[in-house]
Amino acid sequence: MQFIVAIDGPAGSGKGTITKRISNKLNLINIDTGAMYRCVALECINRGLSLSQKEKIIEISKQIKIELKDDEKIYLNNEDVTKEIRSKEVSKIVSQVSAIVEVRYNMVKLQRKLAEGKKVIMEGRDITTYVFPNADVKIYLDASLEERAKRRYKEIKDNGQDITYKEVLNNIKMRDENDRHKKVGSLKIAPDAVLIDTTNLTIDEVEEKVIKIIKEKSL
């Protein structure tokens, strides 16, 4: 029996962390849609493509092999790219890559296929509104711009990458702008989604709120 928990929100709002924790606690399959778009962006970089080479980027989204492993590792064409897809180079272009309509169509088709007949939790920008508009649970996580930038900066630095807080802040501002104005799958709050502002909440407090919402539905 299919059961879909859909979580949307902007970069740095805590979607990825919460999704991983809840998937483990409630035995839900975690489908990381953001990682899938990052794989497309990384492959564009690997092939030396520019964002203007739209047709080639679309072709990449059709051809590449993406695997989401049970140990939360991400594989691109049989290679572990879990760390590489979080690089600042990928972060700079992933929003523009994911804004290409045909790329979104190809990724959404794959996301829906991965969820067929399963109990899953999925996070992204348009899961509650476009990928699974009839999801059993819809949640929108948000936080202030400064708090989101602070979280992402810490995450990147913890991974050993050299970047400034200002770079992260500007990148998130750009991504917010791009994500909210996409032709397909733009970032917005679904009318029936539960909004949680995580700015002043600990990760444990957010987890508690999300689990409570999910448990109000029958798993």
C-alpha atoms as a PDB file:
ATOM      1  CA  MET A   1       0.000   0.000   0.000  1.00  0.00           C
ATOM      2  CA  GLN A   2       1.384   3.393  -1.012  1.00  0.00           C
ATOM      3  CA  PHE A   3       1.775   6.076   1.668  1.00  0.00           C
ATOM      4  CA  ILE A   4       3.424   9.380   0.793  1.00  0.00           C
ATOM      5  CA  VAL A   5       4.859  11.912   3.227  1.00  0.00           C
ATOM      6  CA  ALA A   6       5.785  15.039   1.250  1.00  0.00           C
ATOM      7  CA  ILE A   7       7.983  17.788   2.696  1.00  0.00           C
ATOM      8  CA  ASP A   8       8.734  21.042   0.893  1.00  0.00           C
ATOM      9  CA  GLY A   9      10.695  24.149   1.799  1.00  0.00           C
ATOM     10  CA  PRO A  10      13.588  26.390   0.768  1.00  0.00           C
ATOM     11  CA  ALA A  11      17.290  25.587   1.040  1.00  0.00           C
ATOM     12  CA  GLY A  12      18.524  25.239   4.615  1.00  0.00           C
ATOM     13  CA  SER A  13      15.092  24.855   6.189  1.00  0.00           C
ATOM     14  CA  GLY A  14      15.990  21.424   7.585  1.00  0.00           C
ATOM     15  CA  LYS A  15      14.145  19.222   5.094  1.00  0.00           C
ATOM     16  CA  GLY A  16      17.014  16.850   4.391  1.00  0.00           C
ATOM     17  CA  THR A  17      17.984  16.269   8.016  1.00  0.00           C
ATOM     18  CA  ILE A  18      14.383  15.767   9.158  1.00  0.00           C
ATOM     19  CA  THR A  19      13.587  13.427   6.277  1.00  0.00           C
ATOM     20  CA  LYS A  20      16.573  11.206   7.072  1.00  0.00           C
ATOM     21  CA  ARG A  21      15.751  11.021  10.780  1.00  0.00           C
ATOM     22  CA  ILE A  22      12.065  10.296  10.278  1.00  0.00           C
ATOM     23  CA  SER A  23      12.646   7.729   7.551  1.00  0.00           C
ATOM     24  CA  ASN A  24      14.727   5.748  10.043  1.00  0.00           C
ATOM     25  CA  LYS A  25      12.302   6.132  12.950  1.00  0.00           C
ATOM     26  CA  LEU A  26       9.109   5.356  11.017  1.00  0.00           C
ATOM     27  CA  ASN A  27      10.624   2.895   8.529  1.00  0.00           C
ATOM     28  CA  LEU A  28       9.786   5.021   5.496  1.00  0.00           C
ATOM     29  CA  ILE A  29      11.835   4.950   2.289  1.00  0.00           C
ATOM     30  CA  ASN A  30      13.704   8.231   1.872  1.00  0.00           C
ATOM     31  CA  ILE A  31      13.715   9.505  -1.714  1.00  0.00           C
ATOM     32  CA  ASP A  32      16.098  12.484  -1.846  1.00  0.00           C
ATOM     33  CA  THR A  33      14.843  14.510  -4.819  1.00  0.00           C
ATOM     34  CA  GLY A  34      17.365  17.301  -4.269  1.00  0.00           C
ATOM     35  CA  ALA A  35      20.207  14.806  -4.592  1.00  0.00           C
ATOM     36  CA  MET A  36      18.770  13.674  -7.919  1.00  0.00           C
ATOM     37  CA  TYR A  37      18.893  17.186  -9.369  1.00  0.00           C
ATOM     38  CA  ARG A  38      22.373  17.613  -7.913  1.00  0.00           C
ATOM     39  CA  CYS A  39      23.460  14.487  -9.802  1.00  0.00           C
ATOM     40  CA  VAL A  40      22.332  16.081 -13.064  1.00  0.00           C
ATOM     41  CA  ALA A  41      24.208  19.277 -12.164  1.00  0.00           C
ATOM     42  CA  LEU A  42      27.364  17.329 -11.240  1.00  0.00           C
ATOM     43  CA  GLU A  43      27.296  15.426 -14.515  1.00  0.00           C
ATOM     44  CA  CYS A  44      27.023  18.746 -16.385  1.00  0.00           C
ATOM     45  CA  ILE A  45      30.156  19.927 -14.578  1.00  0.00           C
ATOM     46  CA  ASN A  46      31.943  16.630 -15.247  1.00  0.00           C
ATOM     47  CA  ARG A  47      31.239  17.024 -18.960  1.00  0.00           C
ATOM     48  CA  GLY A  48      32.235  20.682 -19.023  1.00  0.00           C
ATOM     49  CA  LEU A  49      28.803  21.914 -20.050  1.00  0.00           C
ATOM     50  CA  SER A  50      27.559  25.461 -19.549  1.00  0.00           C
ATOM     51  CA  LEU A  51      24.008  26.317 -18.494  1.00  0.00           C
ATOM     52  CA  SER A  52      23.349  27.597 -22.028  1.00  0.00           C
ATOM     53  CA  GLN A  53      23.707  24.062 -23.442  1.00  0.00           C
ATOM     54  CA  LYS A  54      20.115  23.210 -22.594  1.00  0.00           C
ATOM     55  CA  GLU A  55      19.603  20.309 -25.007  1.00  0.00           C
ATOM     56  CA  LYS A  56      22.681  18.494 -23.744  1.00  0.00           C
ATOM     57  CA  ILE A  57      21.575  18.990 -20.136  1.00  0.00           C
ATOM     58  CA  ILE A  58      18.161  17.532 -20.980  1.00  0.00           C
ATOM     59  CA  GLU A  59      19.868  14.566 -22.615  1.00  0.00           C
ATOM     60  CA  ILE A  60      21.946  14.009 -19.465  1.00  0.00           C
ATOM     61  CA  SER A  61      18.764  13.917 -17.361  1.00  0.00           C
ATOM     62  CA  LYS A  62      17.465  11.139 -19.611  1.00  0.00           C
ATOM     63  CA  GLN A  63      20.639   9.069 -19.726  1.00  0.00           C
ATOM     64  CA  ILE A  64      22.329   9.142 -16.314  1.00  0.00           C
ATOM     65  CA  LYS A  65      21.893   6.372 -13.780  1.00  0.00           C
ATOM     66  CA  ILE A  66      20.977   7.575 -10.283  1.00  0.00           C
ATOM     67  CA  GLU A  67      20.812   5.217  -7.312  1.00  0.00           C
ATOM     68  CA  LEU A  68      19.694   6.091  -3.786  1.00  0.00           C
ATOM     69  CA  LYS A  69      21.208   3.448  -1.530  1.00  0.00           C
ATOM     70  CA  ASP A  70      19.802   2.229   1.807  1.00  0.00           C
ATOM     71  CA  ASP A  71      22.896   3.596   3.604  1.00  0.00           C
ATOM     72  CA  GLU A  72      22.006   7.092   2.284  1.00  0.00           C
ATOM     73  CA  LYS A  73      24.817   7.013  -0.250  1.00  0.00           C
ATOM     74  CA  ILE A  74      24.116   8.579  -3.646  1.00  0.00           C
ATOM     75  CA  TYR A  75      25.493   6.869  -6.741  1.00  0.00           C
ATOM     76  CA  LEU A  76      25.834   8.496 -10.153  1.00  0.00           C
ATOM     77  CA  ASN A  77      26.657   6.130 -13.004  1.00  0.00           C
ATOM     78  CA  ASN A  78      27.820   3.489 -10.468  1.00  0.00           C
ATOM     79  CA  GLU A  79      30.098   5.938  -8.611  1.00  0.00           C
ATOM     80  CA  ASP A  80      29.606   7.194  -5.048  1.00  0.00           C
ATOM     81  CA  VAL A  81      29.083  10.969  -5.345  1.00  0.00           C
ATOM     82  CA  THR A  82      27.499  11.578  -1.927  1.00  0.00           C
ATOM     83  CA  LYS A  83      30.083  14.242  -1.061  1.00  0.00           C
ATOM     84  CA  GLU A  84      30.642  15.645  -4.549  1.00  0.00           C
ATOM     85  CA  ILE A  85      27.009  16.628  -5.112  1.00  0.00           C
ATOM     86  CA  ARG A  86      27.215  18.942  -2.056  1.00  0.00           C
ATOM     87  CA  SER A  87      30.117  20.973  -3.438  1.00  0.00           C
ATOM     88  CA  LYS A  88      29.749  24.728  -3.866  1.00  0.00           C
ATOM     89  CA  GLU A  89      30.202  24.302  -7.626  1.00  0.00           C
ATOM     90  CA  VAL A  90      27.123  22.079  -7.790  1.00  0.00           C
ATOM     91  CA  SER A  91      25.187  24.341  -5.410  1.00  0.00           C
ATOM     92  CA  LYS A  92      25.785  27.322  -7.699  1.00  0.00           C
ATOM     93  CA  ILE A  93      24.045  25.740 -10.704  1.00  0.00           C
ATOM     94  CA  VAL A  94      21.603  23.143  -9.368  1.00  0.00           C
ATOM     95  CA  SER A  95      18.675  25.569  -9.161  1.00  0.00           C
ATOM     96  CA  GLN A  96      19.137  26.679 -12.779  1.00  0.00           C
ATOM     97  CA  VAL A  97      19.513  23.074 -13.950  1.00  0.00           C
ATOM     98  CA  SER A  98      16.370  21.999 -12.105  1.00  0.00           C
ATOM     99  CA  ALA A  99      14.476  24.949 -13.609  1.00  0.00           C
ATOM    100  CA  ILE A 100      14.747  23.420 -17.091  1.00  0.00           C
ATOM    101  CA  VAL A 101      11.232  22.095 -17.688  1.00  0.00           C
ATOM    102  CA  GLU A 102      12.284  18.925 -19.492  1.00  0.00           C
ATOM    103  CA  VAL A 103      14.779  18.071 -16.746  1.00  0.00           C
ATOM    104  CA  ARG A 104      12.020  18.372 -14.151  1.00  0.00           C
ATOM    105  CA  TYR A 105       9.721  16.150 -16.216  1.00  0.00           C
ATOM    106  CA  ASN A 106      12.417  13.465 -16.419  1.00  0.00           C
ATOM    107  CA  MET A 107      13.255  13.611 -12.704  1.00  0.00           C
ATOM    108  CA  VAL A 108       9.605  13.689 -11.581  1.00  0.00           C
ATOM    109  CA  LYS A 109       8.883  10.653 -13.718  1.00  0.00           C
ATOM    110  CA  LEU A 110      11.725   8.819 -11.947  1.00  0.00           C
ATOM    111  CA  GLN A 111      10.608  10.038  -8.498  1.00  0.00           C
ATOM    112  CA  ARG A 112       7.060   8.780  -9.029  1.00  0.00           C
ATOM    113  CA  LYS A 113       8.353   5.443 -10.277  1.00  0.00           C
ATOM    114  CA  LEU A 114      10.583   5.023  -7.205  1.00  0.00           C
ATOM    115  CA  ALA A 115       7.578   5.637  -4.925  1.00  0.00           C
ATOM    116  CA  GLU A 116       5.131   3.267  -6.623  1.00  0.00           C
ATOM    117  CA  GLY A 117       3.394   1.031  -4.078  1.00  0.00           C
ATOM    118  CA  LYS A 118       5.773   2.008  -1.270  1.00  0.00           C
ATOM    119  CA  LYS A 119       5.682   3.907   2.025  1.00  0.00           C
ATOM    120  CA  VAL A 120       7.982   6.839   1.371  1.00  0.00           C
ATOM    121  CA  ILE A 121       9.050  10.224   2.675  1.00  0.00           C
ATOM    122  CA  MET A 122      10.180  12.698   0.045  1.00  0.00           C
ATOM    123  CA  GLU A 123      11.506  16.242   0.332  1.00  0.00           C
ATOM    124  CA  GLY A 124      12.109  18.958  -2.195  1.00  0.00           C
ATOM    125  CA  ARG A 125      10.637  22.186  -3.561  1.00  0.00           C
ATOM    126  CA  ASP A 126       7.499  20.928  -5.304  1.00  0.00           C
ATOM    127  CA  ILE A 127       6.657  17.563  -3.760  1.00  0.00           C
ATOM    128  CA  THR A 128       3.401  18.695  -2.130  1.00  0.00           C
ATOM    129  CA  THR A 129       2.276  20.733  -5.129  1.00  0.00           C
ATOM    130  CA  TYR A 130       3.523  18.974  -8.266  1.00  0.00           C
ATOM    131  CA  VAL A 131       5.202  15.608  -7.721  1.00  0.00           C
ATOM    132  CA  PHE A 132       2.603  14.243  -5.284  1.00  0.00           C
ATOM    133  CA  PRO A 133      -0.299  16.726  -5.011  1.00  0.00           C
ATOM    134  CA  ASN A 134      -2.376  13.948  -3.407  1.00  0.00           C
ATOM    135  CA  ALA A 135       0.231  12.988  -0.794  1.00  0.00           C
ATOM    136  CA  ASP A 136      -1.131  11.574   2.462  1.00  0.00           C
ATOM    137  CA  VAL A 137       0.877  14.081   4.526  1.00  0.00           C
ATOM    138  CA  LYS A 138       2.010  17.528   3.354  1.00  0.00           C
ATOM    139  CA  ILE A 139       4.453  19.637   5.346  1.00  0.00           C
ATOM    140  CA  TYR A 140       6.244  22.894   4.514  1.00  0.00           C
ATOM    141  CA  LEU A 141       9.370  23.672   6.546  1.00  0.00           C
ATOM    142  CA  ASP A 142      10.681  27.225   6.612  1.00  0.00           C
ATOM    143  CA  ALA A 143      13.179  29.415   8.497  1.00  0.00           C
ATOM    144  CA  SER A 144      14.610  32.916   8.226  1.00  0.00           C
ATOM    145  CA  LEU A 145      17.119  33.553   5.445  1.00  0.00           C
ATOM    146  CA  GLU A 146      19.922  34.217   7.935  1.00  0.00           C
ATOM    147  CA  GLU A 147      19.245  31.040   9.901  1.00  0.00           C
ATOM    148  CA  ARG A 148      19.124  28.947   6.738  1.00  0.00           C
ATOM    149  CA  ALA A 149      22.418  30.410   5.536  1.00  0.00           C
ATOM    150  CA  LYS A 150      24.017  29.756   8.928  1.00  0.00           C
ATOM    151  CA  ARG A 151      22.946  26.099   8.843  1.00  0.00           C
ATOM    152  CA  ARG A 152      24.138  25.545   5.283  1.00  0.00           C
ATOM    153  CA  TYR A 153      27.454  27.306   6.004  1.00  0.00           C
ATOM    154  CA  LYS A 154      28.089  24.977   8.965  1.00  0.00           C
ATOM    155  CA  GLU A 155      27.180  21.926   6.876  1.00  0.00           C
ATOM    156  CA  ILE A 156      29.583  22.912   4.097  1.00  0.00           C
ATOM    157  CA  LYS A 157      32.427  23.760   6.483  1.00  0.00           C
ATOM    158  CA  ASP A 158      31.912  20.479   8.358  1.00  0.00           C
ATOM    159  CA  ASN A 159      32.461  18.732   5.021  1.00  0.00           C
ATOM    160  CA  GLY A 160      35.854  20.406   4.778  1.00  0.00           C
ATOM    161  CA  GLN A 161      35.004  22.797   1.955  1.00  0.00           C
ATOM    162  CA  ASP A 162      36.393  26.328   1.747  1.00  0.00           C
ATOM    163  CA  ILE A 163      33.590  28.900   1.558  1.00  0.00           C
ATOM    164  CA  THR A 164      32.519  32.125   3.259  1.00  0.00           C
ATOM    165  CA  TYR A 165      29.223  32.803   5.016  1.00  0.00           C
ATOM    166  CA  LYS A 166      28.558  35.635   2.539  1.00  0.00           C
ATOM    167  CA  GLU A 167      28.955  33.245  -0.394  1.00  0.00           C
ATOM    168  CA  VAL A 168      26.448  30.857   1.174  1.00  0.00           C
ATOM    169  CA  LEU A 169      24.000  33.660   1.950  1.00  0.00           C
ATOM    170  CA  ASN A 170      24.132  35.028  -1.600  1.00  0.00           C
ATOM    171  CA  ASN A 171      23.788  31.552  -3.064  1.00  0.00           C
ATOM    172  CA  ILE A 172      20.665  30.844  -1.006  1.00  0.00           C
ATOM    173  CA  LYS A 173      19.175  34.223  -1.997  1.00  0.00           C
ATOM    174  CA  MET A 174      19.732  33.333  -5.655  1.00  0.00           C
ATOM    175  CA  ARG A 175      18.280  29.844  -5.201  1.00  0.00           C
ATOM    176  CA  ASP A 176      15.205  31.223  -3.441  1.00  0.00           C
ATOM    177  CA  GLU A 177      14.604  33.599  -6.337  1.00  0.00           C
ATOM    178  CA  ASN A 178      15.088  30.882  -8.960  1.00  0.00           C
ATOM    179  CA  ASP A 179      13.018  28.308  -7.090  1.00  0.00           C
ATOM    180  CA  ARG A 180      10.048  30.648  -6.632  1.00  0.00           C
ATOM    181  CA  HIS A 181       9.892  31.604 -10.305  1.00  0.00           C
ATOM    182  CA  LYS A 182      10.278  28.269 -12.072  1.00  0.00           C
ATOM    183  CA  LYS A 183       7.821  27.578 -14.882  1.00  0.00           C
ATOM    184  CA  VAL A 184       7.182  24.091 -13.524  1.00  0.00           C
ATOM    185  CA  GLY A 185       7.492  22.993  -9.901  1.00  0.00           C
ATOM    186  CA  SER A 186       8.072  26.399  -8.342  1.00  0.00           C
ATOM    187  CA  LEU A 187       8.545  26.687  -4.585  1.00  0.00           C
ATOM    188  CA  LYS A 188       5.252  27.534  -2.887  1.00  0.00           C
ATOM    189  CA  ILE A 189       3.157  26.403   0.046  1.00  0.00           C
ATOM    190  CA  ALA A 190       0.384  23.956  -0.831  1.00  0.00           C
ATOM    191  CA  PRO A 191      -3.002  25.139   0.532  1.00  0.00           C
ATOM    192  CA  ASP A 192      -3.379  21.957   2.589  1.00  0.00           C
ATOM    193  CA  ALA A 193       0.231  21.742   3.828  1.00  0.00           C
ATOM    194  CA  VAL A 194       1.133  22.205   7.504  1.00  0.00           C
ATOM    195  CA  LEU A 195       3.628  25.067   7.882  1.00  0.00           C
ATOM    196  CA  ILE A 196       6.417  24.702  10.458  1.00  0.00           C
ATOM    197  CA  ASP A 197       8.804  27.615  11.086  1.00  0.00           C
ATOM    198  CA  THR A 198      12.039  25.980  12.247  1.00  0.00           C
ATOM    199  CA  THR A 199      14.013  29.193  12.872  1.00  0.00           C
ATOM    200  CA  ASN A 200      13.977  28.933  16.662  1.00  0.00           C
ATOM    201  CA  LEU A 201      13.434  25.185  16.987  1.00  0.00           C
ATOM    202  CA  THR A 202      15.988  22.475  17.682  1.00  0.00           C
ATOM    203  CA  ILE A 203      16.132  19.555  15.269  1.00  0.00           C
ATOM    204  CA  ASP A 204      14.577  17.342  17.953  1.00  0.00           C
ATOM    205  CA  GLU A 205      11.657  19.755  18.337  1.00  0.00           C
ATOM    206  CA  VAL A 206      11.067  19.829  14.587  1.00  0.00           C
ATOM    207  CA  GLU A 207      11.223  16.043  14.446  1.00  0.00           C
ATOM    208  CA  GLU A 208       8.666  15.754  17.238  1.00  0.00           C
ATOM    209  CA  LYS A 209       6.242  18.077  15.446  1.00  0.00           C
ATOM    210  CA  VAL A 210       6.605  16.275  12.107  1.00  0.00           C
ATOM    211  CA  ILE A 211       6.172  12.808  13.615  1.00  0.00           C
ATOM    212  CA  LYS A 212       3.030  13.964  15.403  1.00  0.00           C
ATOM    213  CA  ILE A 213       1.563  15.200  12.117  1.00  0.00           C
ATOM    214  CA  ILE A 214       2.407  11.942  10.346  1.00  0.00           C
ATOM    215  CA  LYS A 215       0.968   9.792  13.117  1.00  0.00           C
ATOM    216  CA  GLU A 216      -2.357  11.607  12.835  1.00  0.00           C
ATOM    217  CA  LYS A 217      -2.632   9.735   9.547  1.00  0.00           C
ATOM    218  CA  SER A 218      -2.676   5.938   9.382  1.00  0.00           C
ATOM    219  CA  LEU A 219       0.654   4.445   8.323  1.00  0.00           C
END
